[in-house]
Amino acid sequence: MAPRRTGDRSILTSANLTHANFNLADLTKAKLDNADLTDAVFLSADLRGAILTGATLRGADFDNADLTGAIGLPPTAQLKKIVHWDPQTKWP
């Protein structure tokens, strides 16, 4: 699925984004529901308000990413066990 933008929102619903590089990306309010984000890299990415319901996140790298207000994520304690993160990662 090719990414689309509607207004100020990227739509990547159900996309296969395995190993994708989103370093420094502005994904504010992006629709990433049901996307495969296995091993994707979100170094310093802005995911504030992103919709991640049903997304596969195993091995994703959220070092210094901002997930404030992200929707559909598992509880933070569970999420921290399946993704890479650092002390600068901002959780929902």
Protein backbone atom coordinates (compact mmCIF):
# COMPACT_ATOMS: atom_id res chain seq x y z
CA MET A 1 0.00 0.00 0.00
CA ALA A 2 1.43 3.39 -0.95
CA PRO A 3 1.34 6.07 1.75
CA ARG A 4 -1.29 8.79 1.39
CA ARG A 5 -1.85 12.03 3.21
CA THR A 6 -5.28 13.29 4.09
CA GLY A 7 -5.12 16.76 5.53
CA ASP A 8 -2.31 16.58 8.06
CA ARG A 9 -2.39 12.79 8.48
CA SER A 10 -0.33 10.07 6.78
CA ILE A 11 -2.36 6.94 6.11
CA LEU A 12 -0.38 3.71 6.20
CA THR A 13 -3.15 1.37 7.34
CA SER A 14 -2.29 -2.34 6.85
CA ALA A 15 1.01 -1.46 5.14
CA ASN A 16 3.97 -3.83 5.26
CA LEU A 17 6.66 -1.57 6.72
CA THR A 18 8.99 -4.27 8.01
CA HIS A 19 12.51 -2.82 8.46
CA ALA A 20 11.32 0.64 7.29
CA ASN A 21 13.39 3.64 8.36
CA PHE A 22 11.39 6.50 9.85
CA ASN A 23 14.30 8.33 11.50
CA LEU A 24 13.28 11.92 12.31
CA ALA A 25 9.91 11.39 10.55
CA ASP A 26 6.88 13.51 11.39
CA LEU A 27 4.15 10.90 11.80
CA THR A 28 1.93 13.06 13.97
CA LYS A 29 -1.61 11.62 13.89
CA ALA A 30 -0.53 9.03 11.29
CA LYS A 31 -2.86 6.06 10.74
CA LEU A 32 -0.62 3.01 11.16
CA ASP A 33 -3.35 0.65 12.34
CA ASN A 34 -2.75 -3.00 11.42
CA ALA A 35 0.59 -2.08 9.82
CA ASP A 36 3.51 -4.51 10.10
CA LEU A 37 6.22 -2.42 11.76
CA THR A 38 8.45 -5.36 12.70
CA ASP A 39 12.03 -4.08 13.13
CA ALA A 40 11.09 -0.61 11.81
CA VAL A 41 13.27 2.25 13.05
CA PHE A 42 11.63 5.38 14.52
CA LEU A 43 14.75 7.12 15.89
CA SER A 44 13.66 10.58 17.07
CA ALA A 45 10.36 10.24 15.18
CA ASP A 46 7.27 12.22 16.15
CA LEU A 47 4.36 9.80 16.60
CA ARG A 48 2.20 12.06 18.77
CA GLY A 49 -1.43 11.02 18.38
CA ALA A 50 -0.60 8.25 15.90
CA ILE A 51 -3.09 5.40 15.57
CA LEU A 52 -1.30 2.08 16.04
CA THR A 53 -4.22 -0.23 16.84
CA GLY A 54 -3.38 -3.78 15.79
CA ALA A 55 0.09 -2.84 14.49
CA THR A 56 2.85 -5.43 14.75
CA LEU A 57 5.64 -3.72 16.70
CA ARG A 58 8.05 -6.57 17.53
CA GLY A 59 11.63 -5.30 17.40
CA ALA A 60 10.69 -1.74 16.38
CA ASP A 61 13.21 0.87 17.54
CA PHE A 62 11.65 3.85 19.33
CA ASP A 63 14.85 5.43 20.68
CA ASN A 64 14.12 9.11 21.43
CA ALA A 65 10.70 8.81 19.74
CA ASP A 66 7.66 10.74 20.98
CA LEU A 67 4.62 8.47 21.38
CA THR A 68 2.65 10.99 23.46
CA GLY A 69 -1.06 10.45 22.88
CA ALA A 70 -0.53 7.48 20.55
CA ILE A 71 -3.64 5.31 20.33
CA GLY A 72 -3.95 1.52 20.31
CA LEU A 73 -0.63 0.55 21.83
CA PRO A 74 -0.35 -2.25 24.37
CA PRO A 75 0.27 -1.15 27.97
CA THR A 76 3.66 0.57 28.24
CA ALA A 77 5.17 -2.14 30.47
CA GLN A 78 4.29 -4.77 27.86
CA LEU A 79 5.42 -2.59 24.95
CA LYS A 80 8.83 -2.02 26.56
CA LYS A 81 9.42 -5.79 26.41
CA ILE A 82 8.95 -6.09 22.62
CA VAL A 83 10.48 -2.86 21.25
CA HIS A 84 13.80 -1.04 21.56
CA TRP A 85 13.67 2.21 23.53
CA ASP A 86 15.88 4.51 25.55
CA PRO A 87 15.38 6.92 28.47
CA GLN A 88 14.43 9.72 26.03
CA THR A 89 11.49 7.75 24.58
CA LYS A 90 8.21 9.49 25.45
CA TRP A 91 5.39 7.05 26.17
CA PRO A 92 1.63 7.60 25.69
